[in-house]
């Protein structure tokens, strides 16, 4: 007679890779055109000057310069005013 039970297998033992989201370049850091500033899901940060948003909401630089974060007042279509975080690339 066996002293231990036979061990079964599990179906949920695998883990997926993390998505590596977040801010990649901080305020005042130099950046080159095409480099990623922020990887995000949804529009937590909005694109400002010299910046574009990719299909997966990634914000990247269009020109060489320095990263600048700022808070902007934005009025929605129903006249509700809210503050949003905006990312710019300032060229010198």
Protein backbone atom coordinates (compact mmCIF):
# COMPACT_ATOMS: atom_id res chain seq x y z
CA UNK A 1 0.00 0.00 0.00
CA UNK A 2 1.29 3.43 -0.94
CA UNK A 3 2.11 5.87 1.84
CA UNK A 4 1.63 9.04 -0.30
CA UNK A 5 -1.05 9.90 -2.78
CA UNK A 6 -0.17 10.27 -6.40
CA UNK A 7 0.35 13.96 -7.30
CA UNK A 8 -1.71 15.41 -10.11
CA UNK A 9 -0.85 18.19 -12.51
CA UNK A 10 -2.17 21.74 -12.49
CA UNK A 11 -3.51 23.59 -15.50
CA UNK A 12 -2.95 27.13 -14.20
CA UNK A 13 0.74 27.05 -13.29
CA UNK A 14 1.85 29.27 -16.18
CA UNK A 15 2.32 33.03 -15.84
CA UNK A 16 2.23 35.61 -18.61
CA UNK A 17 4.84 38.33 -18.97
CA UNK A 18 4.13 41.70 -17.39
CA UNK A 19 3.20 44.47 -19.80
CA UNK A 20 5.98 46.90 -18.75
CA UNK A 21 3.70 49.94 -18.72
CA UNK A 22 4.56 53.33 -17.27
CA UNK A 23 6.66 56.43 -17.76
CA UNK A 24 9.92 55.67 -19.60
CA UNK A 25 11.41 59.20 -19.74
CA UNK A 26 11.11 61.66 -16.86
CA UNK A 27 10.62 65.44 -16.95
CA UNK A 28 13.68 67.26 -18.30
CA UNK A 29 15.38 64.20 -19.80
CA UNK A 30 16.73 64.48 -23.36
CA UNK A 31 14.91 62.40 -25.97
CA UNK A 32 15.34 61.56 -29.64
CA UNK A 33 12.64 61.34 -32.29
CA UNK A 34 10.79 58.02 -32.18
CA UNK A 35 11.68 57.15 -28.59
CA UNK A 36 8.87 56.09 -26.25
CA UNK A 37 7.96 58.47 -23.43
CA UNK A 38 5.00 56.62 -21.85
CA UNK A 39 3.42 53.21 -22.36
CA UNK A 40 -0.17 53.27 -21.11
CA UNK A 41 -3.60 51.69 -21.44
CA UNK A 42 -6.19 54.37 -22.14
CA UNK A 43 -5.41 58.08 -22.20
CA UNK A 44 -4.10 58.85 -18.71
CA UNK A 45 -1.63 61.25 -20.31
CA UNK A 46 -2.50 63.30 -23.41
CA UNK A 47 -0.16 64.21 -26.26
CA UNK A 48 1.08 67.79 -26.46
CA UNK A 49 3.56 69.51 -28.77
CA UNK A 50 5.96 67.36 -30.84
CA UNK A 51 4.38 64.16 -29.48
CA UNK A 52 2.12 61.50 -31.05
CA UNK A 53 -0.02 58.67 -29.69
CA UNK A 54 0.33 55.16 -31.13
CA UNK A 55 -2.43 52.62 -31.72
CA UNK A 56 -1.87 51.07 -28.27
CA UNK A 57 -1.95 54.54 -26.56
CA UNK A 58 1.86 54.71 -26.38
CA UNK A 59 3.16 58.29 -26.37
CA UNK A 60 6.35 58.84 -28.38
CA UNK A 61 8.47 61.80 -29.49
CA UNK A 62 8.31 63.27 -33.00
CA UNK A 63 11.36 65.56 -32.63
CA UNK A 64 14.58 65.66 -30.63
CA UNK A 65 14.42 67.71 -27.44
CA UNK A 66 13.56 67.46 -23.75
CA UNK A 67 10.48 65.89 -22.16
CA UNK A 68 8.12 68.29 -20.37
CA UNK A 69 5.10 67.27 -18.26
CA UNK A 70 2.40 69.83 -17.49
CA UNK A 71 -1.14 70.06 -16.21
CA UNK A 72 -3.69 71.58 -18.60
CA UNK A 73 -7.27 72.71 -18.15
CA UNK A 74 -9.53 71.01 -20.69
CA UNK A 75 -13.20 71.80 -21.33
CA UNK A 76 -15.31 68.87 -22.46
CA UNK A 77 -18.17 69.13 -24.95
CA UNK A 78 -20.71 69.28 -22.10
CA UNK A 79 -18.81 72.26 -20.57
CA UNK A 80 -17.33 70.25 -17.71
CA UNK A 81 -13.83 71.52 -16.98
CA UNK A 82 -11.18 69.06 -15.88
CA UNK A 83 -7.42 69.04 -15.48
CA UNK A 84 -5.43 66.62 -17.63
CA UNK A 85 -1.77 65.61 -17.65
CA UNK A 86 -0.07 66.56 -20.93
CA UNK A 87 3.32 65.53 -22.29
CA UNK A 88 5.38 67.80 -24.58
CA UNK A 89 8.79 67.61 -26.23
CA UNK A 90 10.46 71.01 -26.06
CA UNK A 91 13.03 71.64 -28.81
CA UNK A 92 15.89 73.98 -28.18
